[in-house]
Amino acid sequence: MVIGELRAMNKDNEEARARWAEFYVRYAMDRGMPCLWWDNGIFAGQPNEEKFGLLDRTKNTFPFPQIITALMDGSAR
């Protein structure tokens, strides 16, 4: 099984999102379930818009490095 829509919405809360992502991925990986982050490419917009972007494809950068580190740490075995 693969968890294919892992995500946490950007509400100017990168640290909380990173803690959650690391916990979630570690928990799933400990049970043999790899995860994929749902990156819809949205970083800003309306208050209720689903902002799940991690890779800024126009600049080839990761605006939320804490989340990237958390995902990597959570998946380490």
C-alpha atoms as a PDB file:
ATOM      1  CA  MET A   1       0.000   0.000   0.000  1.00  0.00           C
ATOM      2  CA  VAL A   2       1.152   3.561  -0.721  1.00  0.00           C
ATOM      3  CA  ILE A   3      -0.335   6.619   0.976  1.00  0.00           C
ATOM      4  CA  GLY A   4      -0.687   8.928  -1.998  1.00  0.00           C
ATOM      5  CA  GLU A   5      -2.143  12.171  -0.644  1.00  0.00           C
ATOM      6  CA  LEU A   6      -0.203  13.198   2.436  1.00  0.00           C
ATOM      7  CA  ARG A   7      -0.456  16.957   2.966  1.00  0.00           C
ATOM      8  CA  ALA A   8      -0.750  19.819   5.456  1.00  0.00           C
ATOM      9  CA  MET A   9      -2.058  23.202   4.346  1.00  0.00           C
ATOM     10  CA  ASN A  10       0.139  26.281   4.514  1.00  0.00           C
ATOM     11  CA  LYS A  11      -1.261  28.675   7.107  1.00  0.00           C
ATOM     12  CA  ASP A  12       2.088  30.324   7.861  1.00  0.00           C
ATOM     13  CA  ASN A  13       2.806  27.390  10.179  1.00  0.00           C
ATOM     14  CA  GLU A  14       5.837  25.660   8.684  1.00  0.00           C
ATOM     15  CA  GLU A  15       7.172  24.381  12.015  1.00  0.00           C
ATOM     16  CA  ALA A  16       3.876  22.710  12.968  1.00  0.00           C
ATOM     17  CA  ARG A  17       3.508  21.234   9.480  1.00  0.00           C
ATOM     18  CA  ALA A  18       7.056  19.854   9.662  1.00  0.00           C
ATOM     19  CA  ARG A  19       6.462  18.196  13.051  1.00  0.00           C
ATOM     20  CA  TRP A  20       3.250  16.642  11.790  1.00  0.00           C
ATOM     21  CA  ALA A  21       4.822  15.471   8.506  1.00  0.00           C
ATOM     22  CA  GLU A  22       7.733  13.782  10.261  1.00  0.00           C
ATOM     23  CA  PHE A  23       5.422  12.004  12.713  1.00  0.00           C
ATOM     24  CA  TYR A  24       3.001  10.899   9.993  1.00  0.00           C
ATOM     25  CA  VAL A  25       5.666   9.603   7.616  1.00  0.00           C
ATOM     26  CA  ARG A  26       7.606   7.827  10.375  1.00  0.00           C
ATOM     27  CA  TYR A  27       4.415   6.179  11.659  1.00  0.00           C
ATOM     28  CA  ALA A  28       3.448   5.011   8.167  1.00  0.00           C
ATOM     29  CA  MET A  29       6.961   3.856   7.233  1.00  0.00           C
ATOM     30  CA  ASP A  30       7.229   1.850  10.470  1.00  0.00           C
ATOM     31  CA  ARG A  31       4.212  -0.051   9.169  1.00  0.00           C
ATOM     32  CA  GLY A  32       5.631  -0.531   5.668  1.00  0.00           C
ATOM     33  CA  MET A  33       3.560   2.190   3.975  1.00  0.00           C
ATOM     34  CA  PRO A  34       5.528   4.726   1.907  1.00  0.00           C
ATOM     35  CA  CYS A  35       3.995   8.184   1.513  1.00  0.00           C
ATOM     36  CA  LEU A  36       3.774  10.769  -1.270  1.00  0.00           C
ATOM     37  CA  TRP A  37       3.226  14.456  -0.511  1.00  0.00           C
ATOM     38  CA  TRP A  38       0.329  16.010  -2.446  1.00  0.00           C
ATOM     39  CA  ASP A  39       2.031  19.038  -4.045  1.00  0.00           C
ATOM     40  CA  ASN A  40      -0.507  21.057  -5.995  1.00  0.00           C
ATOM     41  CA  GLY A  41       1.931  23.902  -6.698  1.00  0.00           C
ATOM     42  CA  ILE A  42      -0.107  26.480  -4.766  1.00  0.00           C
ATOM     43  CA  PHE A  43       1.780  28.661  -2.265  1.00  0.00           C
ATOM     44  CA  ALA A  44      -0.417  31.733  -1.843  1.00  0.00           C
ATOM     45  CA  GLY A  45      -3.947  32.790  -2.555  1.00  0.00           C
ATOM     46  CA  GLN A  46      -7.318  33.062  -0.934  1.00  0.00           C
ATOM     47  CA  PRO A  47      -7.601  32.154   2.778  1.00  0.00           C
ATOM     48  CA  ASN A  48      -9.441  28.875   2.114  1.00  0.00           C
ATOM     49  CA  GLU A  49      -7.472  27.903  -0.981  1.00  0.00           C
ATOM     50  CA  GLU A  50      -5.666  24.575  -0.694  1.00  0.00           C
ATOM     51  CA  LYS A  51      -1.999  25.640  -0.401  1.00  0.00           C
ATOM     52  CA  PHE A  52      -0.014  22.378  -0.464  1.00  0.00           C
ATOM     53  CA  GLY A  53       2.974  23.386  -2.628  1.00  0.00           C
ATOM     54  CA  LEU A  54       6.487  22.272  -1.614  1.00  0.00           C
ATOM     55  CA  LEU A  55       8.466  22.606  -4.858  1.00  0.00           C
ATOM     56  CA  ASP A  56       8.289  26.004  -6.534  1.00  0.00           C
ATOM     57  CA  ARG A  57       8.605  24.836 -10.113  1.00  0.00           C
ATOM     58  CA  THR A  58       9.154  28.354 -11.497  1.00  0.00           C
ATOM     59  CA  LYS A  59      12.284  28.886  -9.342  1.00  0.00           C
ATOM     60  CA  ASN A  60      13.268  25.240  -8.793  1.00  0.00           C
ATOM     61  CA  THR A  61      13.381  25.840  -5.021  1.00  0.00           C
ATOM     62  CA  PHE A  62      11.776  24.429  -1.902  1.00  0.00           C
ATOM     63  CA  PRO A  63      10.255  27.364   0.055  1.00  0.00           C
ATOM     64  CA  PHE A  64       9.588  25.167   3.118  1.00  0.00           C
ATOM     65  CA  PRO A  65      12.921  23.481   3.927  1.00  0.00           C
ATOM     66  CA  GLN A  66      11.783  22.345   7.386  1.00  0.00           C
ATOM     67  CA  ILE A  67       9.062  20.219   5.798  1.00  0.00           C
ATOM     68  CA  ILE A  68      11.466  18.690   3.289  1.00  0.00           C
ATOM     69  CA  THR A  69      13.835  17.769   6.130  1.00  0.00           C
ATOM     70  CA  ALA A  70      10.951  16.365   8.176  1.00  0.00           C
ATOM     71  CA  LEU A  71       9.770  14.186   5.284  1.00  0.00           C
ATOM     72  CA  MET A  72      13.293  12.864   4.779  1.00  0.00           C
ATOM     73  CA  ASP A  73      13.833  12.266   8.506  1.00  0.00           C
ATOM     74  CA  GLY A  74      10.492  10.516   8.844  1.00  0.00           C
ATOM     75  CA  SER A  75      11.265   8.170   5.972  1.00  0.00           C
ATOM     76  CA  ALA A  76      14.782   7.262   7.194  1.00  0.00           C
ATOM     77  CA  ARG A  77      15.131   3.703   8.385  1.00  0.00           C
END
